[in-house]
């Protein structure tokens, strides 16, 4: 059984369909003193004796614990999507999106010049020569995609915060496409 998250000196893990929490070290019967101690216990337990977690005196995570866990999942998926997503630009094709790609295209805009073209790597790793207006269109597309992703993140955060029970949290589908 693999733990999913450690927060506030508590190990969160799935037991079947339930999110469970463990905040007391079953070997010492003392609360974990830090996230590091909980992490160490979870790492050793999951490698040496994965059944130990399900046999401990863990408890079903509270609604606030479930919300915190889902916020962590949301943050991880959002960061992953921001690092490597794509969008389509009319007349150009599919391009990579994210902060690094925005910085790259801004640099190319500065280097391109008014009448020239410059090599630009597409999402599929092919290269196209783009002129200044096309590079500006790429920049706008990356910025627009970023805004859309943040809006989606904020909607999901709202849904998590306003959920009143575990069923409401389970219904939240965290996807960035």
C-alpha atoms as a PDB file:
ATOM      1  CA  UNK A   1       0.000   0.000   0.000  1.00  0.00           C
ATOM      2  CA  UNK A   2       1.554   3.308  -1.102  1.00  0.00           C
ATOM      3  CA  UNK A   3       1.005   6.536   0.757  1.00  0.00           C
ATOM      4  CA  UNK A   4      -0.256   9.411  -1.372  1.00  0.00           C
ATOM      5  CA  UNK A   5       0.659  12.490   0.600  1.00  0.00           C
ATOM      6  CA  UNK A   6       2.184  13.634   3.859  1.00  0.00           C
ATOM      7  CA  UNK A   7       0.975  16.877   5.351  1.00  0.00           C
ATOM      8  CA  UNK A   8       0.871  18.248   8.903  1.00  0.00           C
ATOM      9  CA  UNK A   9       2.690  15.173  10.275  1.00  0.00           C
ATOM     10  CA  UNK A  10      -0.028  12.896   8.874  1.00  0.00           C
ATOM     11  CA  UNK A  11       0.273  10.166   6.250  1.00  0.00           C
ATOM     12  CA  UNK A  12      -2.626  10.035   3.781  1.00  0.00           C
ATOM     13  CA  UNK A  13      -3.135   6.815   1.852  1.00  0.00           C
ATOM     14  CA  UNK A  14      -5.861   4.924   0.013  1.00  0.00           C
ATOM     15  CA  UNK A  15      -7.379   1.820   1.570  1.00  0.00           C
ATOM     16  CA  UNK A  16      -9.696   0.542  -1.125  1.00  0.00           C
ATOM     17  CA  UNK A  17     -11.779   3.556  -2.108  1.00  0.00           C
ATOM     18  CA  UNK A  18     -11.350   5.359   1.217  1.00  0.00           C
ATOM     19  CA  UNK A  19      -8.747   7.982   1.932  1.00  0.00           C
ATOM     20  CA  UNK A  20      -7.257   7.204   5.319  1.00  0.00           C
ATOM     21  CA  UNK A  21      -4.947   9.151   7.570  1.00  0.00           C
ATOM     22  CA  UNK A  22      -2.322   8.047  10.051  1.00  0.00           C
ATOM     23  CA  UNK A  23      -0.914  10.589  12.479  1.00  0.00           C
ATOM     24  CA  UNK A  24       0.399   8.247  15.197  1.00  0.00           C
ATOM     25  CA  UNK A  25       3.422   6.017  14.779  1.00  0.00           C
ATOM     26  CA  UNK A  26       2.065   2.523  15.579  1.00  0.00           C
ATOM     27  CA  UNK A  27       5.499   1.377  16.728  1.00  0.00           C
ATOM     28  CA  UNK A  28       5.832   4.058  19.419  1.00  0.00           C
ATOM     29  CA  UNK A  29       2.167   4.955  19.878  1.00  0.00           C
ATOM     30  CA  UNK A  30       3.240   8.634  19.699  1.00  0.00           C
ATOM     31  CA  UNK A  31       2.119  11.258  17.175  1.00  0.00           C
ATOM     32  CA  UNK A  32       4.569  11.906  14.364  1.00  0.00           C
ATOM     33  CA  UNK A  33       6.577  14.971  15.363  1.00  0.00           C
ATOM     34  CA  UNK A  34       7.091  16.251  11.820  1.00  0.00           C
ATOM     35  CA  UNK A  35       6.380  15.629   8.154  1.00  0.00           C
ATOM     36  CA  UNK A  36       9.921  14.234   7.879  1.00  0.00           C
ATOM     37  CA  UNK A  37       9.269  11.628  10.583  1.00  0.00           C
ATOM     38  CA  UNK A  38       5.959  10.657   8.950  1.00  0.00           C
ATOM     39  CA  UNK A  39       7.661  10.475   5.551  1.00  0.00           C
ATOM     40  CA  UNK A  40      10.429   8.249   6.923  1.00  0.00           C
ATOM     41  CA  UNK A  41       7.887   5.899   8.506  1.00  0.00           C
ATOM     42  CA  UNK A  42       5.790   5.802   5.311  1.00  0.00           C
ATOM     43  CA  UNK A  43       8.824   5.117   3.110  1.00  0.00           C
ATOM     44  CA  UNK A  44      10.156   2.310   5.308  1.00  0.00           C
ATOM     45  CA  UNK A  45       6.696   0.811   5.841  1.00  0.00           C
ATOM     46  CA  UNK A  46       5.722   0.826   2.179  1.00  0.00           C
ATOM     47  CA  UNK A  47       9.011  -0.864   1.238  1.00  0.00           C
ATOM     48  CA  UNK A  48       9.405  -3.365   4.090  1.00  0.00           C
ATOM     49  CA  UNK A  49       5.861  -4.161   5.189  1.00  0.00           C
ATOM     50  CA  UNK A  50       3.124  -2.545   3.078  1.00  0.00           C
ATOM     51  CA  UNK A  51       0.371  -4.357   5.004  1.00  0.00           C
ATOM     52  CA  UNK A  52       1.364  -2.571   8.209  1.00  0.00           C
ATOM     53  CA  UNK A  53      -0.390   0.617   7.134  1.00  0.00           C
ATOM     54  CA  UNK A  54      -3.753  -1.109   6.699  1.00  0.00           C
ATOM     55  CA  UNK A  55      -3.386  -2.844  10.072  1.00  0.00           C
ATOM     56  CA  UNK A  56      -2.587   0.317  12.034  1.00  0.00           C
ATOM     57  CA  UNK A  57      -4.925   2.452  14.032  1.00  0.00           C
ATOM     58  CA  UNK A  58      -5.435   4.832  11.169  1.00  0.00           C
ATOM     59  CA  UNK A  59      -8.652   6.712  10.760  1.00  0.00           C
ATOM     60  CA  UNK A  60     -10.794   7.802   7.878  1.00  0.00           C
ATOM     61  CA  UNK A  61      -9.558  11.209   6.822  1.00  0.00           C
ATOM     62  CA  UNK A  62     -11.780  14.108   7.850  1.00  0.00           C
ATOM     63  CA  UNK A  63     -13.483  16.178   5.166  1.00  0.00           C
ATOM     64  CA  UNK A  64     -10.812  18.850   5.725  1.00  0.00           C
ATOM     65  CA  UNK A  65      -8.086  16.209   5.400  1.00  0.00           C
ATOM     66  CA  UNK A  66      -9.666  14.976   2.170  1.00  0.00           C
ATOM     67  CA  UNK A  67      -9.846  18.547   0.875  1.00  0.00           C
ATOM     68  CA  UNK A  68      -6.177  19.137   1.715  1.00  0.00           C
ATOM     69  CA  UNK A  69      -5.241  15.927  -0.059  1.00  0.00           C
ATOM     70  CA  UNK A  70      -7.263  16.876  -3.156  1.00  0.00           C
ATOM     71  CA  UNK A  71      -5.711  20.372  -3.164  1.00  0.00           C
ATOM     72  CA  UNK A  72      -2.305  18.664  -3.274  1.00  0.00           C
ATOM     73  CA  UNK A  73      -3.413  16.474  -6.174  1.00  0.00           C
ATOM     74  CA  UNK A  74      -4.735  19.569  -7.963  1.00  0.00           C
ATOM     75  CA  UNK A  75      -1.465  21.462  -7.434  1.00  0.00           C
ATOM     76  CA  UNK A  76       0.610  18.554  -8.759  1.00  0.00           C
ATOM     77  CA  UNK A  77      -1.550  18.031 -11.839  1.00  0.00           C
ATOM     78  CA  UNK A  78      -1.699  21.776 -12.522  1.00  0.00           C
ATOM     79  CA  UNK A  79       2.089  22.117 -12.281  1.00  0.00           C
ATOM     80  CA  UNK A  80       2.558  19.132 -14.574  1.00  0.00           C
ATOM     81  CA  UNK A  81       0.113  20.567 -17.111  1.00  0.00           C
ATOM     82  CA  UNK A  82       1.726  24.009 -16.944  1.00  0.00           C
ATOM     83  CA  UNK A  83       5.140  22.491 -17.610  1.00  0.00           C
ATOM     84  CA  UNK A  84       4.065  20.491 -20.655  1.00  0.00           C
ATOM     85  CA  UNK A  85       0.832  21.313 -22.413  1.00  0.00           C
ATOM     86  CA  UNK A  86      -0.013  22.218 -25.978  1.00  0.00           C
ATOM     87  CA  UNK A  87      -2.369  24.373 -27.997  1.00  0.00           C
ATOM     88  CA  UNK A  88      -3.198  24.868 -31.661  1.00  0.00           C
ATOM     89  CA  UNK A  89      -2.383  28.107 -33.494  1.00  0.00           C
ATOM     90  CA  UNK A  90      -4.211  28.718 -36.784  1.00  0.00           C
ATOM     91  CA  UNK A  91      -1.878  28.599 -39.751  1.00  0.00           C
ATOM     92  CA  UNK A  92       1.015  27.348 -37.634  1.00  0.00           C
ATOM     93  CA  UNK A  93       0.012  24.111 -35.882  1.00  0.00           C
ATOM     94  CA  UNK A  94       0.363  22.600 -32.413  1.00  0.00           C
ATOM     95  CA  UNK A  95       2.817  24.301 -30.091  1.00  0.00           C
ATOM     96  CA  UNK A  96       4.163  23.672 -26.610  1.00  0.00           C
ATOM     97  CA  UNK A  97       2.817  25.840 -23.786  1.00  0.00           C
ATOM     98  CA  UNK A  98       4.140  26.774 -20.385  1.00  0.00           C
ATOM     99  CA  UNK A  99       6.351  29.386 -18.798  1.00  0.00           C
ATOM    100  CA  UNK A 100       9.582  28.167 -20.369  1.00  0.00           C
ATOM    101  CA  UNK A 101       7.992  28.128 -23.843  1.00  0.00           C
ATOM    102  CA  UNK A 102       6.684  31.651 -23.315  1.00  0.00           C
ATOM    103  CA  UNK A 103      10.172  32.831 -22.377  1.00  0.00           C
ATOM    104  CA  UNK A 104      11.590  31.067 -25.442  1.00  0.00           C
ATOM    105  CA  UNK A 105       9.132  32.674 -27.883  1.00  0.00           C
ATOM    106  CA  UNK A 106       9.657  36.104 -26.310  1.00  0.00           C
ATOM    107  CA  UNK A 107      13.379  35.665 -26.933  1.00  0.00           C
ATOM    108  CA  UNK A 108      12.744  34.623 -30.544  1.00  0.00           C
ATOM    109  CA  UNK A 109      10.549  37.708 -31.036  1.00  0.00           C
ATOM    110  CA  UNK A 110      13.437  39.894 -29.859  1.00  0.00           C
ATOM    111  CA  UNK A 111      15.892  38.110 -32.172  1.00  0.00           C
ATOM    112  CA  UNK A 112      13.725  37.762 -35.270  1.00  0.00           C
ATOM    113  CA  UNK A 113      13.676  41.265 -36.712  1.00  0.00           C
ATOM    114  CA  UNK A 114      10.851  42.882 -38.667  1.00  0.00           C
ATOM    115  CA  UNK A 115      11.378  41.228 -42.040  1.00  0.00           C
ATOM    116  CA  UNK A 116      13.120  37.977 -41.204  1.00  0.00           C
ATOM    117  CA  UNK A 117      12.141  34.523 -40.091  1.00  0.00           C
ATOM    118  CA  UNK A 118      13.542  32.326 -37.376  1.00  0.00           C
ATOM    119  CA  UNK A 119      13.430  28.580 -36.702  1.00  0.00           C
ATOM    120  CA  UNK A 120      10.748  27.546 -34.220  1.00  0.00           C
ATOM    121  CA  UNK A 121      10.360  24.050 -32.760  1.00  0.00           C
ATOM    122  CA  UNK A 122       6.788  22.748 -32.843  1.00  0.00           C
ATOM    123  CA  UNK A 123       5.044  20.436 -30.349  1.00  0.00           C
ATOM    124  CA  UNK A 124       5.973  17.374 -32.450  1.00  0.00           C
ATOM    125  CA  UNK A 125       9.638  18.537 -32.492  1.00  0.00           C
ATOM    126  CA  UNK A 126       9.585  19.497 -36.163  1.00  0.00           C
ATOM    127  CA  UNK A 127      10.945  22.919 -37.049  1.00  0.00           C
ATOM    128  CA  UNK A 128       9.165  25.719 -38.907  1.00  0.00           C
ATOM    129  CA  UNK A 129      10.454  29.109 -39.927  1.00  0.00           C
ATOM    130  CA  UNK A 130       8.161  31.755 -38.467  1.00  0.00           C
ATOM    131  CA  UNK A 131       8.073  35.482 -39.051  1.00  0.00           C
ATOM    132  CA  UNK A 132       7.517  38.167 -36.422  1.00  0.00           C
ATOM    133  CA  UNK A 133       3.700  38.203 -36.694  1.00  0.00           C
ATOM    134  CA  UNK A 134       3.554  34.421 -36.402  1.00  0.00           C
ATOM    135  CA  UNK A 135       5.813  34.473 -33.334  1.00  0.00           C
ATOM    136  CA  UNK A 136       3.533  37.084 -31.747  1.00  0.00           C
ATOM    137  CA  UNK A 137       0.539  34.828 -32.494  1.00  0.00           C
ATOM    138  CA  UNK A 138       2.366  31.946 -30.770  1.00  0.00           C
ATOM    139  CA  UNK A 139       3.093  34.182 -27.759  1.00  0.00           C
ATOM    140  CA  UNK A 140      -0.578  35.180 -27.499  1.00  0.00           C
ATOM    141  CA  UNK A 141      -1.681  31.535 -27.798  1.00  0.00           C
ATOM    142  CA  UNK A 142       0.648  30.460 -24.970  1.00  0.00           C
ATOM    143  CA  UNK A 143      -0.565  33.316 -22.773  1.00  0.00           C
ATOM    144  CA  UNK A 144      -4.211  32.498 -23.535  1.00  0.00           C
ATOM    145  CA  UNK A 145      -3.677  28.823 -22.730  1.00  0.00           C
ATOM    146  CA  UNK A 146      -2.056  29.790 -19.426  1.00  0.00           C
ATOM    147  CA  UNK A 147      -5.010  31.990 -18.484  1.00  0.00           C
ATOM    148  CA  UNK A 148      -7.440  29.185 -19.384  1.00  0.00           C
ATOM    149  CA  UNK A 149      -5.511  26.729 -17.236  1.00  0.00           C
ATOM    150  CA  UNK A 150      -5.502  29.102 -14.264  1.00  0.00           C
ATOM    151  CA  UNK A 151      -9.245  29.654 -14.654  1.00  0.00           C
ATOM    152  CA  UNK A 152      -9.774  25.875 -14.637  1.00  0.00           C
ATOM    153  CA  UNK A 153      -7.550  25.565 -11.531  1.00  0.00           C
ATOM    154  CA  UNK A 154      -9.522  28.268  -9.726  1.00  0.00           C
ATOM    155  CA  UNK A 155     -12.834  26.573 -10.578  1.00  0.00           C
ATOM    156  CA  UNK A 156     -11.519  23.280  -9.212  1.00  0.00           C
ATOM    157  CA  UNK A 157     -10.206  24.989  -6.062  1.00  0.00           C
ATOM    158  CA  UNK A 158     -13.652  26.520  -5.586  1.00  0.00           C
ATOM    159  CA  UNK A 159     -15.300  23.119  -6.020  1.00  0.00           C
ATOM    160  CA  UNK A 160     -12.949  21.593  -3.448  1.00  0.00           C
ATOM    161  CA  UNK A 161     -13.464  24.405  -0.953  1.00  0.00           C
ATOM    162  CA  UNK A 162     -17.262  24.309  -1.262  1.00  0.00           C
ATOM    163  CA  UNK A 163     -17.594  20.506  -1.128  1.00  0.00           C
ATOM    164  CA  UNK A 164     -19.617  19.467   1.898  1.00  0.00           C
ATOM    165  CA  UNK A 165     -18.915  15.739   1.918  1.00  0.00           C
ATOM    166  CA  UNK A 166     -16.630  13.062   0.517  1.00  0.00           C
ATOM    167  CA  UNK A 167     -19.063  12.213  -2.306  1.00  0.00           C
ATOM    168  CA  UNK A 168     -18.852  15.820  -3.520  1.00  0.00           C
ATOM    169  CA  UNK A 169     -15.053  15.620  -3.455  1.00  0.00           C
ATOM    170  CA  UNK A 170     -15.062  12.281  -5.299  1.00  0.00           C
ATOM    171  CA  UNK A 171     -17.140  13.876  -8.060  1.00  0.00           C
ATOM    172  CA  UNK A 172     -14.426  16.467  -8.780  1.00  0.00           C
ATOM    173  CA  UNK A 173     -12.525  15.428 -11.900  1.00  0.00           C
ATOM    174  CA  UNK A 174      -9.098  17.037 -11.988  1.00  0.00           C
ATOM    175  CA  UNK A 175      -7.947  17.132 -15.603  1.00  0.00           C
ATOM    176  CA  UNK A 176      -6.093  19.739 -17.602  1.00  0.00           C
ATOM    177  CA  UNK A 177      -6.319  19.250 -21.334  1.00  0.00           C
END
